[in-house]
């Protein structure tokens, strides 16, 4: 997305508590932030962010965007999501406010069905023609647990950290 969307920078928000996930299924916040740092350190357009660590939990995207806009009023914040998330975007807290105030960039997925999607022609939603990589974090975690060799799918430093700390093996 950094190369195909035209965005100046991408801030990868590490979310301490996604309202749709159980907190006890996540790694420690700072371990996850460190993994994002390791994965992105060679990409100057991508910045790991702990901004949401300072917000009340659970946090919602609409609140993050409002806090970001307050703290950085000269910036124009957008939202990036996978096409699979766009299908349920209408269920997000105050999704109308997000659409009113921000542009959304959508990363394609192979299994998506955009032809019938309600947001397909929305002026603030841009579908990006980027290479499709069908590797998810869930896939990575599940295959580590199954003792599969996923090392070639990750940046070397990320794999070394996961392996050294025995992450996702249980």
Protein backbone atom coordinates (compact mmCIF):
# COMPACT_ATOMS: atom_id res chain seq x y z
CA UNK A 1 0.00 0.00 0.00
CA UNK A 2 2.90 2.36 0.67
CA UNK A 3 3.95 2.10 -2.95
CA UNK A 4 0.56 1.86 -4.66
CA UNK A 5 -1.74 4.27 -2.81
CA UNK A 6 0.10 7.58 -3.22
CA UNK A 7 0.14 8.13 0.55
CA UNK A 8 3.15 9.99 1.97
CA UNK A 9 3.44 7.79 5.06
CA UNK A 10 1.67 4.84 6.59
CA UNK A 11 1.41 4.68 10.35
CA UNK A 12 0.83 1.13 11.50
CA UNK A 13 -1.30 1.40 14.62
CA UNK A 14 -0.70 -1.36 17.12
CA UNK A 15 -4.02 -1.70 18.91
CA UNK A 16 -3.89 -2.80 22.54
CA UNK A 17 -7.46 -4.07 22.50
CA UNK A 18 -9.46 -4.60 19.35
CA UNK A 19 -13.10 -4.72 20.50
CA UNK A 20 -13.61 -7.74 18.25
CA UNK A 21 -10.83 -9.84 19.84
CA UNK A 22 -10.23 -11.30 23.27
CA UNK A 23 -7.33 -9.48 24.91
CA UNK A 24 -5.88 -12.71 26.33
CA UNK A 25 -5.33 -14.05 22.80
CA UNK A 26 -2.88 -11.24 21.98
CA UNK A 27 0.82 -10.91 22.68
CA UNK A 28 1.94 -8.19 25.03
CA UNK A 29 1.39 -4.74 23.44
CA UNK A 30 5.08 -3.89 23.38
CA UNK A 31 6.07 -7.24 21.87
CA UNK A 32 3.59 -6.62 19.05
CA UNK A 33 4.92 -3.08 18.59
CA UNK A 34 8.46 -4.44 18.48
CA UNK A 35 7.47 -7.00 15.81
CA UNK A 36 5.96 -4.19 13.71
CA UNK A 37 9.15 -2.19 14.16
CA UNK A 38 11.28 -5.15 13.05
CA UNK A 39 9.04 -5.78 10.04
CA UNK A 40 9.06 -2.16 8.86
CA UNK A 41 12.47 -0.77 9.82
CA UNK A 42 13.74 -0.99 6.23
CA UNK A 43 10.71 0.87 4.81
CA UNK A 44 10.95 4.62 5.46
CA UNK A 45 7.33 5.27 4.38
CA UNK A 46 5.97 2.90 7.07
CA UNK A 47 6.06 3.92 10.73
CA UNK A 48 5.06 1.74 13.69
CA UNK A 49 2.88 3.62 16.16
CA UNK A 50 1.92 3.15 19.80
CA UNK A 51 -0.53 6.06 19.62
CA UNK A 52 -3.48 3.87 20.65
CA UNK A 53 -1.62 2.73 23.79
CA UNK A 54 -2.48 6.10 25.34
CA UNK A 55 -6.21 5.95 24.51
CA UNK A 56 -8.98 4.43 26.66
CA UNK A 57 -9.66 0.75 25.98
CA UNK A 58 -11.32 -0.84 24.19
CA UNK A 59 -10.65 1.64 21.44
CA UNK A 60 -12.55 2.29 18.25
CA UNK A 61 -11.12 3.52 14.95
CA UNK A 62 -13.39 6.56 14.94
CA UNK A 63 -11.86 7.66 18.29
CA UNK A 64 -8.28 7.05 17.11
CA UNK A 65 -8.84 9.15 14.00
CA UNK A 66 -10.39 11.98 16.05
CA UNK A 67 -7.47 11.96 18.52
CA UNK A 68 -4.93 11.88 15.68
CA UNK A 69 -6.61 14.84 13.97
CA UNK A 70 -6.61 16.80 17.25
CA UNK A 71 -2.93 16.08 17.90
CA UNK A 72 -1.79 16.63 14.28
CA UNK A 73 -4.22 19.18 12.80
CA UNK A 74 -2.07 19.83 9.71
CA UNK A 75 -2.13 16.14 8.69
CA UNK A 76 -4.78 14.55 6.53
CA UNK A 77 -5.42 11.08 7.96
CA UNK A 78 -6.80 8.22 5.92
CA UNK A 79 -7.66 4.66 6.80
CA UNK A 80 -6.31 1.53 5.14
CA UNK A 81 -8.23 -1.71 5.35
CA UNK A 82 -8.43 -5.03 3.61
CA UNK A 83 -11.33 -5.58 1.25
CA UNK A 84 -12.62 -8.26 3.63
CA UNK A 85 -13.00 -5.62 6.39
CA UNK A 86 -14.90 -3.31 4.06
CA UNK A 87 -17.71 -5.88 3.90
CA UNK A 88 -18.45 -5.31 7.60
CA UNK A 89 -17.48 -1.63 7.73
CA UNK A 90 -21.15 -0.65 8.11
CA UNK A 91 -21.04 -2.38 11.54
CA UNK A 92 -18.14 -0.28 12.84
CA UNK A 93 -18.82 2.30 15.52
CA UNK A 94 -19.74 5.61 13.83
CA UNK A 95 -18.56 4.43 10.41
CA UNK A 96 -20.47 7.36 8.87
CA UNK A 97 -18.24 9.82 10.76
CA UNK A 98 -15.15 8.05 9.46
CA UNK A 99 -16.46 8.28 5.88
CA UNK A 100 -17.42 11.90 6.30
CA UNK A 101 -13.96 12.95 7.52
CA UNK A 102 -11.48 10.51 6.01
CA UNK A 103 -10.56 8.73 2.82
CA UNK A 104 -10.39 4.95 2.93
CA UNK A 105 -7.88 2.97 0.91
CA UNK A 106 -8.84 -0.65 0.34
CA UNK A 107 -6.31 -3.43 -0.19
CA UNK A 108 -7.62 -6.15 -2.53
CA UNK A 109 -8.31 -9.73 -1.50
CA UNK A 110 -8.76 -12.72 -3.81
CA UNK A 111 -11.92 -13.92 -2.11
CA UNK A 112 -13.69 -10.56 -2.13
CA UNK A 113 -17.01 -9.94 -3.79
CA UNK A 114 -16.89 -6.22 -4.51
CA UNK A 115 -19.35 -6.30 -7.39
CA UNK A 116 -22.27 -6.30 -4.96
CA UNK A 117 -20.66 -4.19 -2.28
CA UNK A 118 -22.54 -1.14 -0.97
CA UNK A 119 -19.35 0.96 -0.80
CA UNK A 120 -18.08 0.07 -4.28
CA UNK A 121 -18.73 3.52 -5.81
CA UNK A 122 -18.38 5.68 -2.70
CA UNK A 123 -16.27 8.79 -3.53
CA UNK A 124 -14.17 8.50 -0.34
CA UNK A 125 -13.32 4.83 -0.82
CA UNK A 126 -10.46 3.96 -3.15
CA UNK A 127 -9.74 0.39 -4.20
CA UNK A 128 -6.00 0.09 -4.74
CA UNK A 129 -4.55 -1.98 -7.53
CA UNK A 130 -1.74 -3.56 -5.54
CA UNK A 131 -0.20 -7.03 -5.64
CA UNK A 132 -2.31 -9.45 -3.62
CA UNK A 133 -0.46 -11.31 -0.90
CA UNK A 134 -2.69 -13.90 0.74
CA UNK A 135 -0.73 -14.36 3.96
CA UNK A 136 -2.46 -13.29 7.13
CA UNK A 137 -1.23 -12.98 10.70
CA UNK A 138 -3.69 -15.73 11.62
CA UNK A 139 -2.10 -17.99 9.00
CA UNK A 140 1.37 -17.25 10.41
CA UNK A 141 0.35 -17.90 14.04
CA UNK A 142 -1.55 -21.10 13.24
CA UNK A 143 1.28 -22.55 11.19
CA UNK A 144 3.90 -21.78 13.84
CA UNK A 145 1.69 -23.65 16.29
CA UNK A 146 1.52 -26.59 13.83
CA UNK A 147 5.34 -26.53 13.65
CA UNK A 148 5.37 -25.58 9.96
CA UNK A 149 8.39 -23.74 8.58
CA UNK A 150 7.03 -20.26 7.87
CA UNK A 151 10.45 -18.62 8.07
CA UNK A 152 10.49 -17.75 4.33
CA UNK A 153 7.22 -15.82 4.77
CA UNK A 154 8.59 -13.33 7.30
CA UNK A 155 11.37 -10.75 7.41
CA UNK A 156 14.45 -12.43 8.94
CA UNK A 157 14.46 -10.26 12.08
CA UNK A 158 10.78 -10.94 12.73
CA UNK A 159 11.28 -14.69 12.40
CA UNK A 160 14.34 -14.59 14.68
CA UNK A 161 12.41 -12.69 17.38
CA UNK A 162 9.42 -15.04 17.19
CA UNK A 163 11.62 -18.14 17.25
CA UNK A 164 13.95 -16.89 19.99
CA UNK A 165 10.99 -15.97 22.23
CA UNK A 166 8.97 -19.11 21.42
CA UNK A 167 6.00 -17.03 20.36
CA UNK A 168 2.81 -18.65 19.05
CA UNK A 169 4.08 -22.18 19.67
CA UNK A 170 1.39 -23.07 22.23
